[in-house]
Amino acid sequence: MIILGTIPKGYIMALTASTMVTLGTQAPEFSLPDVVSGKTISLSNYKSQPLLVMFICQHCPFVKHIKGELALLGKDYSNTDLGIVAISANDAERYPDDAPESLKAMAVELNIQYPVCYDESQEVAKAYTAACTPDFFLFDAEHKLIYRGQLDDSRPSNNEPVTGRDLRAAINSVLAGKEIIGDQKPSIGCNIKWKPGNEPNYFG
C-alpha cells in the first residue's frame, strides 16, 4: 500500500507500508547469493529454526535511520535459535547504490552477522509480498508467519528513539515459546524499486 506522509527533506520517494500478509502463511522458498561470502543462502539453511527475513537496501533513508539496530539484532540474537537473513531486491541498474557491491560495503561497515542477499530477479520479494524497505517477516520454527510489520515507532521524521521494541518483543516471544500479543503495525519506508514492468499485482 502506498500512502501519504512525511519523508526526510531532499528525498522524493513513494512512502509505502507493509502488505501485512496473512499470519500463518508458510515462508516461501528462496535461494540467493550472500553479497559478502558469495555463498548461496536458502530457506533450508534454517530448518527447524525461527527465522527473521528482512527486506532492506543501502540507500533508503528509512533503512539508514535504523542501520545500527539492524546490526545489533544480529549480535544480540547470535547465541539463540533465531536465524536472520536480509534481502535487497532493488533494481540495481537504476539504483546503483543498492548493487551487491554497495550492499557488501554496508554489511562490512556495520559488521552485520547474518547473510545479506541480493534478489536480482525480484521474485523472492514478490513471493514474500515485500513492499517497502525496511519490511520484516518473522516465522516460527515451522516457518509459519507469526509477525510482520514494523521494527518500532521510530521514523527519520520523528523524534522517537530506535529501540526495535515491536520486532524484539515478537522475537523474544517466539524464542520463549509464547504467543505474540498486541497489535502488529505495518512497517513504513521507501517503496521497493521494482524493475520497469515488474511491479507485483498485490498493490491492487
Foldseek 3Di string as FASTA:
>chain_A
DFDDDDDDPPDDFTKDWAPCPDFQDFQDWDWFAFLAPRHTDIPVVLALAKEKEKEAFQPWPQCVQCVLVQQVVCVVCVPARYAYEYEYEAACVVVVCRPSVNVNVSCVVNVRDHGYGYDPVCVSCVVVSPWFHTWMFIAASSRTTQATAAQDDDGPPDDDDRDSVQVVQVVVQRRVVHHDDDDHHIYITGTRHDDVPGDDPSVD
